[in-house]
Amino acid sequence: MTGVVASSPRSSEEAATRIGAERAFESSEALVDSADVDVVHICTPNHLHVPLALAALQAGKHVICEKPLALHEAGATELAEAANGSDVQAAVPFVYRYYPMAREARARVLGGISGRLRLLHGTYLQDWLSLPADDNWRVDEELGGTSRAFADIGSHWCDLAEFISGDRITRLSARMATVLPERSAAAGRVSFDRGDDHGPTRSVHTEDAAIVQFETATGALGSVVVSQVSPGRKNRLWIELDASEEALVFDQEHPESLWRGHRDGASVTVRDAAVLAPDAARLSTLPPGHPQGYADCFDAFVADVYGAIRGEGEPDGMPRFDDGRRAVQITEAVLASAADESWTDVPAHEPAGSRR
């Protein structure tokens, strides 16, 4: 780890010590201009993604940038086009793609085993913002963007749905709800920390929950419920794909298995590289029965990006800036539909060289 820059010189020094970086940089400009920096990881609040990622790309650095890639499609397009016009690797950590059993579901759908897709449905539910005392920078639209719950976690669900199915959401109808219009003002609170009911409050304009129904390019129907205010749900990303020959269910909180439904019964496939499709087996790095989890997905994602940087080839499914732009397109369609209370088209643009 060459170096780190955070929100202040003191924070930078503390971060460098904590993660074992060689030094703390004085500014983001100094970091991206440093000759010994090869890859820049951008893990800042959302409003800084575009200027920092663009600066890194212009400096010829490889970039891993957190999602949402930008607060608006114009910024996401600028970054995607800048990345596509360069020789660098630019990736977005849609890491749920890296669960072996999600890859197994994808292999079955794209390989024709599951048959023609009919329905996609599921949820992404959390509870860490379910109380009035809960707060975070993501709640502030100036820092996090106009959409919060959907842009933050609904984007993950939609990316996984399109990735597994190989299909595209073409039009949608959305409703949003801000169930807590006031929250405790808690500047600087770490994500997922619990708040208290004392102190000043502030008005909230970003959504706590969203319900989206949609249609896909192949004619399948779908729906997803997204919430950050569902008590007891910590990170329930759950997706079902119902096709003509079988139904498939992937549950991120129980990621070691894939439920498969048939007309005459159901079965469960457990993670075992010996019986999985090649792409799923590649990501199954531990022996069966030794659980792999969320952190392993990040490891696999970073390994893919760094392998591509070293010239080892770009593995199938590695999420790039084009995929980050796609997520922003869907989010903007959700916002527009909720505002107009109408069906809204999602751009059909397919990025050049897409590996979906």
Protein backbone atom coordinates (compact mmCIF):
# COMPACT_ATOMS: atom_id res chain seq x y z
CA MET A 1 0.00 0.00 0.00
CA THR A 2 1.84 3.06 -1.27
CA GLY A 3 -0.18 5.74 0.45
CA VAL A 4 -3.51 7.14 1.49
CA VAL A 5 -5.28 10.49 1.59
CA ALA A 6 -8.38 11.09 3.72
CA SER A 7 -10.58 14.06 4.66
CA SER A 8 -7.86 15.89 6.62
CA PRO A 9 -4.10 15.59 7.25
CA ARG A 10 -4.78 14.08 10.67
CA SER A 11 -7.24 11.55 9.25
CA SER A 12 -4.75 10.69 6.52
CA GLU A 13 -2.02 9.99 9.07
CA GLU A 14 -4.35 7.88 11.19
CA ALA A 15 -5.51 5.92 8.14
CA ALA A 16 -1.96 5.30 6.94
CA THR A 17 -1.04 3.89 10.34
CA ARG A 18 -4.20 1.80 10.60
CA ILE A 19 -3.92 0.11 7.19
CA GLY A 20 -0.13 -0.04 7.00
CA ALA A 21 0.34 2.40 4.11
CA GLU A 22 3.83 3.68 3.44
CA ARG A 23 2.81 7.32 3.86
CA ALA A 24 -0.02 9.82 4.07
CA PHE A 25 -0.35 12.11 1.06
CA GLU A 26 -1.10 15.79 1.54
CA SER A 27 -3.79 15.84 -1.14
CA SER A 28 -5.56 13.68 -3.69
CA GLU A 29 -3.66 15.55 -6.42
CA ALA A 30 -0.35 14.54 -4.85
CA LEU A 31 -1.50 10.93 -4.66
CA VAL A 32 -2.59 10.57 -8.29
CA ASP A 33 0.50 12.40 -9.55
CA SER A 34 2.90 10.21 -7.58
CA ALA A 35 5.11 8.10 -9.85
CA ASP A 36 4.99 5.09 -7.52
CA VAL A 37 1.17 4.88 -7.44
CA ASP A 38 -0.20 2.36 -9.95
CA VAL A 39 -3.83 1.90 -8.83
CA VAL A 40 -6.12 4.40 -7.13
CA HIS A 41 -8.98 3.10 -4.97
CA ILE A 42 -11.69 5.74 -4.47
CA CYS A 43 -13.77 5.05 -1.34
CA THR A 44 -15.07 8.57 -0.65
CA PRO A 45 -18.59 9.98 -0.29
CA ASN A 46 -20.40 9.84 -3.61
CA HIS A 47 -20.13 13.51 -4.62
CA LEU A 48 -16.35 13.19 -4.93
CA HIS A 49 -16.29 10.16 -7.22
CA VAL A 50 -16.30 12.02 -10.54
CA PRO A 51 -13.54 14.60 -9.88
CA LEU A 52 -11.26 12.13 -8.12
CA ALA A 53 -11.74 9.31 -10.65
CA LEU A 54 -11.30 11.69 -13.56
CA ALA A 55 -8.09 13.08 -12.07
CA ALA A 56 -6.74 9.57 -11.59
CA LEU A 57 -7.62 8.54 -15.15
CA GLN A 58 -6.03 11.68 -16.57
CA ALA A 59 -2.88 10.86 -14.61
CA GLY A 60 -2.82 7.45 -16.30
CA LYS A 61 -3.67 5.47 -13.16
CA HIS A 62 -5.80 2.37 -12.96
CA VAL A 63 -8.94 3.08 -10.91
CA ILE A 64 -11.30 1.18 -8.66
CA CYS A 65 -14.16 3.53 -7.73
CA GLU A 66 -16.99 2.80 -5.36
CA LYS A 67 -20.57 3.00 -6.55
CA PRO A 68 -22.57 4.96 -7.45
CA LEU A 69 -20.00 5.96 -10.04
CA ALA A 70 -21.58 9.44 -10.22
CA LEU A 71 -24.57 11.36 -8.91
CA HIS A 72 -25.88 11.85 -12.47
CA GLU A 73 -25.64 10.02 -15.78
CA ALA A 74 -23.60 12.82 -17.38
CA GLY A 75 -20.80 12.32 -14.85
CA ALA A 76 -20.94 8.54 -15.17
CA THR A 77 -20.79 8.82 -18.96
CA GLU A 78 -17.79 11.15 -18.76
CA LEU A 79 -15.93 8.64 -16.60
CA ALA A 80 -16.92 5.61 -18.71
CA GLU A 81 -15.83 7.31 -21.92
CA ALA A 82 -12.57 8.48 -20.35
CA ALA A 83 -11.85 4.92 -19.21
CA ASN A 84 -12.81 3.37 -22.56
CA GLY A 85 -10.53 5.81 -24.36
CA SER A 86 -7.49 4.83 -22.31
CA ASP A 87 -5.27 1.81 -21.69
CA VAL A 88 -6.05 1.61 -17.99
CA GLN A 89 -8.35 -0.69 -16.05
CA ALA A 90 -11.33 1.07 -14.44
CA ALA A 91 -13.65 -1.03 -12.29
CA VAL A 92 -16.60 -0.68 -9.90
CA PRO A 93 -16.98 -3.12 -6.97
CA PHE A 94 -20.28 -4.79 -7.75
CA VAL A 95 -18.88 -7.61 -5.65
CA TYR A 96 -22.04 -9.71 -5.30
CA ARG A 97 -21.13 -10.99 -8.76
CA TYR A 98 -18.25 -12.79 -7.08
CA TYR A 99 -20.26 -15.25 -5.00
CA PRO A 100 -19.68 -18.67 -6.58
CA MET A 101 -23.35 -19.63 -6.29
CA ALA A 102 -24.44 -16.43 -8.04
CA ARG A 103 -22.07 -17.42 -10.86
CA GLU A 104 -23.58 -20.91 -10.83
CA ALA A 105 -27.03 -19.40 -11.30
CA ARG A 106 -25.71 -17.30 -14.18
CA ALA A 107 -24.14 -20.33 -15.85
CA ARG A 108 -27.43 -22.23 -15.69
CA VAL A 109 -29.46 -19.34 -17.12
CA LEU A 110 -27.03 -18.34 -19.87
CA GLY A 111 -26.30 -21.98 -20.69
CA GLY A 112 -29.97 -22.64 -21.43
CA ILE A 113 -30.42 -25.15 -18.62
CA SER A 114 -33.07 -23.05 -16.86
CA GLY A 115 -35.09 -22.35 -20.00
CA ARG A 116 -36.76 -19.11 -21.02
CA LEU A 117 -36.80 -16.45 -18.31
CA ARG A 118 -40.29 -15.45 -17.14
CA LEU A 119 -39.92 -13.56 -13.85
CA LEU A 120 -37.19 -11.85 -11.81
CA HIS A 121 -38.07 -10.75 -8.31
CA GLY A 122 -36.55 -10.17 -4.92
CA THR A 123 -35.57 -7.78 -2.18
CA TYR A 124 -32.63 -5.91 -0.76
CA LEU A 125 -33.49 -5.05 2.84
CA GLN A 126 -31.43 -3.44 5.63
CA ASP A 127 -32.28 -1.89 9.00
CA TRP A 128 -29.31 0.32 9.85
CA LEU A 129 -31.29 3.52 9.15
CA SER A 130 -34.60 2.38 10.62
CA LEU A 131 -34.63 4.69 13.67
CA PRO A 132 -34.86 8.50 13.82
CA ALA A 133 -31.52 8.57 15.65
CA ASP A 134 -29.78 6.74 12.79
CA ASP A 135 -27.87 8.99 10.42
CA ASN A 136 -24.99 8.94 7.96
CA TRP A 137 -23.53 11.12 5.21
CA ARG A 138 -25.48 9.07 2.66
CA VAL A 139 -28.69 10.64 3.96
CA ASP A 140 -27.48 14.07 2.81
CA GLU A 141 -28.32 14.50 -0.87
CA GLU A 142 -25.44 16.94 -1.32
CA LEU A 143 -22.97 14.20 -0.40
CA GLY A 144 -24.80 11.02 -1.35
CA GLY A 145 -27.06 12.11 -4.20
CA THR A 146 -30.79 12.54 -4.81
CA SER A 147 -31.39 8.81 -4.40
CA ARG A 148 -30.15 7.04 -1.31
CA ALA A 149 -31.63 3.58 -0.69
CA PHE A 150 -31.99 2.66 -4.34
CA ALA A 151 -28.68 4.16 -5.50
CA ASP A 152 -26.87 2.59 -2.53
CA ILE A 153 -28.26 -0.95 -2.49
CA GLY A 154 -30.96 -1.21 -5.19
CA SER A 155 -28.19 -0.67 -7.73
CA HIS A 156 -26.47 -3.82 -6.42
CA TRP A 157 -29.68 -5.85 -6.83
CA CYS A 158 -30.30 -4.63 -10.38
CA ASP A 159 -26.69 -5.22 -11.39
CA LEU A 160 -26.87 -8.78 -10.08
CA ALA A 161 -30.25 -9.38 -11.74
CA GLU A 162 -28.97 -8.24 -15.13
CA PHE A 163 -25.67 -10.09 -14.65
CA ILE A 164 -27.21 -13.44 -13.75
CA SER A 165 -29.99 -13.26 -16.32
CA GLY A 166 -28.01 -11.72 -19.18
CA ASP A 167 -31.14 -9.63 -19.72
CA ARG A 168 -31.70 -5.88 -19.59
CA ILE A 169 -34.30 -3.82 -17.75
CA THR A 170 -35.98 -1.74 -20.46
CA ARG A 171 -38.81 0.07 -18.64
CA LEU A 172 -39.94 0.43 -15.05
CA SER A 173 -42.45 1.91 -12.66
CA ALA A 174 -41.29 3.02 -9.22
CA ARG A 175 -42.58 4.38 -5.93
CA MET A 176 -40.37 5.79 -3.19
CA ALA A 177 -40.97 6.56 0.46
CA THR A 178 -39.18 8.70 3.02
CA VAL A 179 -40.66 7.26 6.19
CA LEU A 180 -38.39 9.27 8.51
CA PRO A 181 -38.55 12.90 7.30
CA GLU A 182 -36.37 14.00 10.23
CA ARG A 183 -33.25 12.39 11.66
CA SER A 184 -30.65 13.21 14.26
CA ALA A 185 -27.89 15.32 12.78
CA ALA A 186 -24.76 13.22 13.15
CA ALA A 187 -21.93 14.63 11.09
CA GLY A 188 -19.00 12.25 10.83
CA ARG A 189 -20.81 9.18 12.18
CA VAL A 190 -19.37 5.91 10.92
CA SER A 191 -21.70 3.81 8.78
CA PHE A 192 -23.83 1.30 10.71
CA ASP A 193 -23.04 2.91 14.09
CA ARG A 194 -26.11 3.34 16.26
CA GLY A 195 -27.17 6.85 17.14
CA ASP A 196 -29.04 8.35 20.07
CA ASP A 197 -32.13 10.52 20.38
CA HIS A 198 -30.36 13.56 21.80
CA GLY A 199 -29.15 16.62 19.96
CA PRO A 200 -30.31 18.54 16.89
CA THR A 201 -32.27 17.05 14.01
CA ARG A 202 -32.34 17.73 10.29
CA SER A 203 -34.84 17.28 7.48
CA VAL A 204 -34.41 14.30 5.17
CA HIS A 205 -35.30 14.29 1.48
CA THR A 206 -33.69 11.07 0.25
CA GLU A 207 -35.77 7.89 0.18
CA ASP A 208 -35.72 5.21 2.86
CA ALA A 209 -37.41 2.61 0.64
CA ALA A 210 -38.43 1.96 -2.95
CA ILE A 211 -40.58 -0.52 -4.82
CA VAL A 212 -39.83 -1.04 -8.50
CA GLN A 213 -41.60 -3.18 -11.08
CA PHE A 214 -40.02 -3.62 -14.48
CA GLU A 215 -39.94 -5.32 -17.86
CA THR A 216 -36.87 -6.73 -19.61
CA ALA A 217 -35.68 -6.87 -23.20
CA THR A 218 -36.75 -10.52 -23.53
CA GLY A 219 -40.24 -9.86 -22.17
CA ALA A 220 -39.74 -11.07 -18.61
CA LEU A 221 -41.44 -9.22 -15.76
CA GLY A 222 -39.80 -8.28 -12.49
CA SER A 223 -40.02 -6.48 -9.19
CA VAL A 224 -37.74 -5.53 -6.32
CA VAL A 225 -38.34 -4.06 -2.86
CA VAL A 226 -35.46 -1.98 -1.51
CA SER A 227 -35.34 -0.73 2.07
CA GLN A 228 -32.91 0.59 4.67
CA VAL A 229 -35.63 0.72 7.34
CA SER A 230 -36.72 -2.93 7.70
CA PRO A 231 -36.09 -3.97 11.35
CA GLY A 232 -34.10 -7.13 11.75
CA ARG A 233 -32.94 -7.29 8.14
CA LYS A 234 -29.19 -6.72 8.11
CA ASN A 235 -28.30 -7.27 4.46
CA ARG A 236 -30.97 -9.40 2.82
CA LEU A 237 -30.13 -9.37 -0.86
CA TRP A 238 -32.43 -12.10 -2.17
CA ILE A 239 -33.16 -12.82 -5.84
CA GLU A 240 -35.32 -15.39 -7.63
CA LEU A 241 -35.30 -16.10 -11.34
CA ASP A 242 -38.27 -18.11 -12.58
CA ALA A 243 -37.69 -19.71 -15.98
CA SER A 244 -39.56 -22.33 -17.99
CA GLU A 245 -37.50 -25.32 -16.78
CA GLU A 246 -36.50 -24.29 -13.28
CA ALA A 247 -36.51 -21.49 -10.72
CA LEU A 248 -33.31 -20.34 -9.03
CA VAL A 249 -32.90 -18.53 -5.71
CA PHE A 250 -29.73 -16.87 -4.44
CA ASP A 251 -29.73 -15.45 -0.89
CA GLN A 252 -26.68 -13.33 -0.01
CA GLU A 253 -27.10 -14.01 3.71
CA HIS A 254 -26.89 -17.76 2.96
CA PRO A 255 -24.49 -17.72 0.02
CA GLU A 256 -23.14 -21.26 0.18
CA SER A 257 -26.14 -22.76 -1.62
CA LEU A 258 -28.40 -22.25 -4.64
CA TRP A 259 -32.06 -23.29 -4.41
CA ARG A 260 -33.42 -24.91 -7.56
CA GLY A 261 -37.13 -25.43 -8.05
CA HIS A 262 -38.82 -27.81 -10.50
CA ARG A 263 -42.41 -28.84 -11.18
CA ASP A 264 -41.91 -32.10 -9.29
CA GLY A 265 -39.92 -30.74 -6.36
CA ALA A 266 -36.93 -28.69 -5.33
CA SER A 267 -33.27 -29.24 -4.54
CA VAL A 268 -30.32 -27.34 -3.11
CA THR A 269 -26.90 -27.20 -4.75
CA VAL A 270 -24.13 -26.47 -2.26
CA ARG A 271 -20.83 -24.82 -3.11
CA ASP A 272 -18.43 -27.51 -4.27
CA ALA A 273 -15.99 -26.72 -7.05
CA ALA A 274 -16.11 -30.32 -8.24
CA VAL A 275 -19.72 -29.99 -9.40
CA LEU A 276 -20.01 -26.29 -10.32
CA ALA A 277 -19.76 -24.57 -13.68
CA PRO A 278 -16.17 -23.51 -14.53
CA ASP A 279 -16.71 -19.80 -13.76
CA ALA A 280 -18.30 -20.62 -10.40
CA ALA A 281 -15.61 -23.20 -9.61
CA ARG A 282 -12.90 -20.60 -10.32
CA LEU A 283 -14.26 -18.46 -7.49
CA SER A 284 -14.73 -21.37 -5.09
CA THR A 285 -11.37 -21.01 -3.36
CA LEU A 286 -12.09 -22.84 -0.08
CA PRO A 287 -12.98 -26.52 0.34
CA PRO A 288 -16.71 -27.37 0.54
CA GLY A 289 -18.15 -26.75 3.98
CA HIS A 290 -15.65 -23.98 4.76
CA PRO A 291 -17.85 -20.90 4.29
CA GLN A 292 -16.86 -18.16 1.90
CA GLY A 293 -18.39 -14.74 2.43
CA TYR A 294 -18.62 -11.08 1.56
CA ALA A 295 -14.95 -10.28 2.20
CA ASP A 296 -13.94 -13.12 -0.11
CA CYS A 297 -15.97 -11.46 -2.88
CA PHE A 298 -13.94 -8.27 -2.47
CA ASP A 299 -10.72 -10.29 -2.56
CA ALA A 300 -11.80 -12.02 -5.77
CA PHE A 301 -12.89 -8.75 -7.38
CA VAL A 302 -9.60 -6.98 -6.58
CA ALA A 303 -7.65 -10.05 -7.73
CA ASP A 304 -9.45 -9.95 -11.10
CA VAL A 305 -8.75 -6.23 -11.56
CA TYR A 306 -5.10 -6.53 -10.56
CA GLY A 307 -4.71 -9.56 -12.82
CA ALA A 308 -6.07 -7.53 -15.72
CA ILE A 309 -3.65 -4.71 -14.84
CA ARG A 310 -0.76 -7.18 -14.99
CA GLY A 311 -1.87 -8.21 -18.47
CA GLU A 312 -3.27 -11.60 -17.48
CA GLY A 313 -6.54 -10.96 -19.34
CA GLU A 314 -9.87 -9.57 -18.24
CA PRO A 315 -12.03 -12.29 -16.65
CA ASP A 316 -15.66 -12.63 -17.68
CA GLY A 317 -17.96 -10.51 -15.57
CA MET A 318 -15.43 -8.07 -14.15
CA PRO A 319 -17.56 -4.94 -13.48
CA ARG A 320 -16.20 -1.92 -15.31
CA PHE A 321 -17.10 1.78 -15.44
CA ASP A 322 -19.66 0.98 -18.15
CA ASP A 323 -21.47 -1.13 -15.55
CA GLY A 324 -21.27 1.78 -13.12
CA ARG A 325 -22.87 4.02 -15.74
CA ARG A 326 -25.59 1.42 -16.28
CA ALA A 327 -26.47 1.50 -12.57
CA VAL A 328 -26.76 5.30 -12.68
CA GLN A 329 -29.05 5.06 -15.73
CA ILE A 330 -31.41 2.73 -13.87
CA THR A 331 -31.34 4.92 -10.76
CA GLU A 332 -32.25 8.02 -12.78
CA ALA A 333 -35.13 6.12 -14.42
CA VAL A 334 -36.38 5.11 -10.95
CA LEU A 335 -36.25 8.73 -9.77
CA ALA A 336 -38.06 9.96 -12.89
CA SER A 337 -40.77 7.31 -12.62
CA ALA A 338 -41.37 8.00 -8.94
CA ALA A 339 -41.63 11.74 -9.63
CA ASP A 340 -44.04 11.36 -12.56
CA GLU A 341 -45.88 8.29 -11.22
CA SER A 342 -45.54 6.75 -14.66
CA TRP A 343 -43.70 4.02 -16.57
CA THR A 344 -40.26 5.21 -17.64
CA ASP A 345 -37.93 3.80 -20.30
CA VAL A 346 -34.40 2.81 -19.35
CA PRO A 347 -31.73 3.56 -22.00
CA ALA A 348 -30.93 0.50 -24.08
CA HIS A 349 -27.29 1.46 -24.64
CA GLU A 350 -25.05 -1.59 -24.66
CA PRO A 351 -21.44 -0.63 -23.91
CA ALA A 352 -18.87 -1.51 -26.54
CA GLY A 353 -17.05 -4.69 -25.59
CA SER A 354 -19.62 -5.54 -22.90
CA ARG A 355 -18.90 -8.85 -21.21
CA ARG A 356 -22.25 -9.39 -19.56
